[in-house]
Amino acid sequence: MALSLFAGPATAEPFFLPAPAEGQWTAADKQLHFAGSLAISASLRTVGRTDGESFGGAVAIGVLKEVYDATLKPRRKGRGASWKDLAADILGAAAGIAIAGALER
């Protein structure tokens, strides 16, 4: 008689949160994502990194944050990545580059 290692079928949690759980576009969390990415990309830009490096660095940090949210964040805090958070990261990174570029002129 074979012994089963699993009690039942494996159920994988979705990587991204369901849309209603992501919160409003104007939520404080989205504002923090935007501001953080803006600060990172503008900082990288002002120390001599290219637009692409600055944008990529800021967005990469945002992606890593979402990977953390989906894989390591405690379940009691609502585990899952957010498309809206990633969008706020991208917009913030672009805004940081635009502001840094405008200040160089």
Protein backbone atom coordinates (compact mmCIF):
# COMPACT_ATOMS: atom_id res chain seq x y z
CA MET A 1 0.00 0.00 0.00
CA ALA A 2 1.43 3.38 -1.02
CA LEU A 3 1.64 6.27 1.41
CA SER A 4 0.58 9.63 0.00
CA LEU A 5 2.74 12.63 0.92
CA PHE A 6 -0.10 15.04 0.27
CA ALA A 7 -3.41 15.12 2.08
CA GLY A 8 -5.23 16.56 -0.90
CA PRO A 9 -4.78 18.41 -4.14
CA ALA A 10 -2.22 21.23 -4.06
CA THR A 11 -3.74 24.69 -4.16
CA ALA A 12 -1.47 27.49 -5.25
CA GLU A 13 -2.16 31.00 -4.07
CA PRO A 14 -2.46 33.56 -6.86
CA PHE A 15 0.56 35.83 -7.28
CA PHE A 16 -1.51 39.00 -7.68
CA LEU A 17 -4.24 40.18 -5.35
CA PRO A 18 -7.80 40.21 -6.67
CA ALA A 19 -8.75 43.66 -8.02
CA PRO A 20 -11.04 44.60 -5.10
CA ALA A 21 -8.24 43.86 -2.61
CA GLU A 22 -5.76 46.20 -4.30
CA GLY A 23 -7.33 49.34 -2.86
CA GLN A 24 -8.10 52.70 -4.43
CA TRP A 25 -5.72 54.44 -6.85
CA THR A 26 -5.47 57.34 -4.39
CA ALA A 27 -4.75 55.17 -1.32
CA ALA A 28 -1.81 56.11 0.88
CA ASP A 29 -0.04 52.90 -0.17
CA LYS A 30 -0.08 53.95 -3.83
CA GLN A 31 1.17 57.41 -2.89
CA LEU A 32 4.10 55.83 -1.04
CA HIS A 33 4.95 53.66 -4.03
CA PHE A 34 4.86 56.71 -6.30
CA ALA A 35 6.94 58.88 -3.95
CA GLY A 36 9.47 56.15 -3.22
CA SER A 37 10.06 55.40 -6.89
CA LEU A 38 10.25 59.12 -7.68
CA ALA A 39 12.91 59.59 -4.99
CA ILE A 40 14.93 56.58 -6.11
CA SER A 41 14.95 57.46 -9.82
CA ALA A 42 15.64 61.16 -9.19
CA SER A 43 18.48 60.29 -6.82
CA LEU A 44 20.05 57.90 -9.29
CA ARG A 45 19.67 60.48 -12.06
CA THR A 46 21.33 63.25 -10.05
CA VAL A 47 24.38 61.10 -9.26
CA GLY A 48 25.03 60.55 -12.94
CA ARG A 49 23.07 57.47 -13.93
CA THR A 50 21.31 57.49 -17.28
CA ASP A 51 17.56 57.84 -17.62
CA GLY A 52 17.29 54.13 -18.40
CA GLU A 53 19.42 53.06 -15.44
CA SER A 54 17.52 55.35 -13.10
CA PHE A 55 14.12 54.20 -14.34
CA GLY A 56 15.14 50.53 -14.35
CA GLY A 57 16.63 50.71 -10.86
CA ALA A 58 13.52 52.29 -9.35
CA VAL A 59 11.13 49.91 -11.09
CA ALA A 60 13.29 46.89 -10.17
CA ILE A 61 13.02 47.82 -6.50
CA GLY A 62 9.24 48.10 -6.92
CA VAL A 63 9.10 44.68 -8.57
CA LEU A 64 11.17 43.17 -5.75
CA LYS A 65 8.73 44.68 -3.23
CA GLU A 66 5.82 43.04 -5.03
CA VAL A 67 7.64 39.69 -5.13
CA TYR A 68 8.12 40.03 -1.37
CA ASP A 69 4.41 40.85 -0.95
CA ALA A 70 3.42 37.76 -2.94
CA THR A 71 5.85 35.27 -1.44
CA LEU A 72 7.22 36.25 1.96
CA LYS A 73 4.76 38.72 3.45
CA PRO A 74 2.86 37.19 6.37
CA ARG A 75 -0.53 35.77 5.37
CA ARG A 76 -2.28 37.74 8.12
CA LYS A 77 -1.27 40.96 6.33
CA GLY A 78 -2.88 39.98 3.03
CA ARG A 79 -0.26 38.30 0.89
CA GLY A 80 -0.21 39.15 -2.84
CA ALA A 81 1.33 41.48 -5.38
CA SER A 82 -0.56 44.49 -6.72
CA TRP A 83 -0.77 45.74 -10.30
CA LYS A 84 -1.75 49.16 -8.97
CA ASP A 85 1.39 49.31 -6.81
CA LEU A 86 3.52 48.46 -9.86
CA ALA A 87 1.77 51.15 -11.91
CA ALA A 88 2.45 53.70 -9.14
CA ASP A 89 6.11 52.60 -9.12
CA ILE A 90 6.41 53.08 -12.89
CA LEU A 91 4.71 56.48 -12.83
CA GLY A 92 6.85 57.62 -9.90
CA ALA A 93 10.07 56.49 -11.59
CA ALA A 94 9.14 58.38 -14.75
CA ALA A 95 8.23 61.49 -12.75
CA GLY A 96 11.56 61.38 -10.91
CA ILE A 97 13.49 61.30 -14.17
CA ALA A 98 11.38 64.12 -15.60
CA ILE A 99 11.92 66.32 -12.53
CA ALA A 100 15.66 65.62 -12.37
CA GLY A 101 15.95 66.35 -16.09
CA ALA A 102 14.04 69.62 -15.75
CA LEU A 103 16.26 70.75 -12.89
CA GLU A 104 19.42 70.15 -14.96
CA ARG A 105 18.40 72.72 -17.54
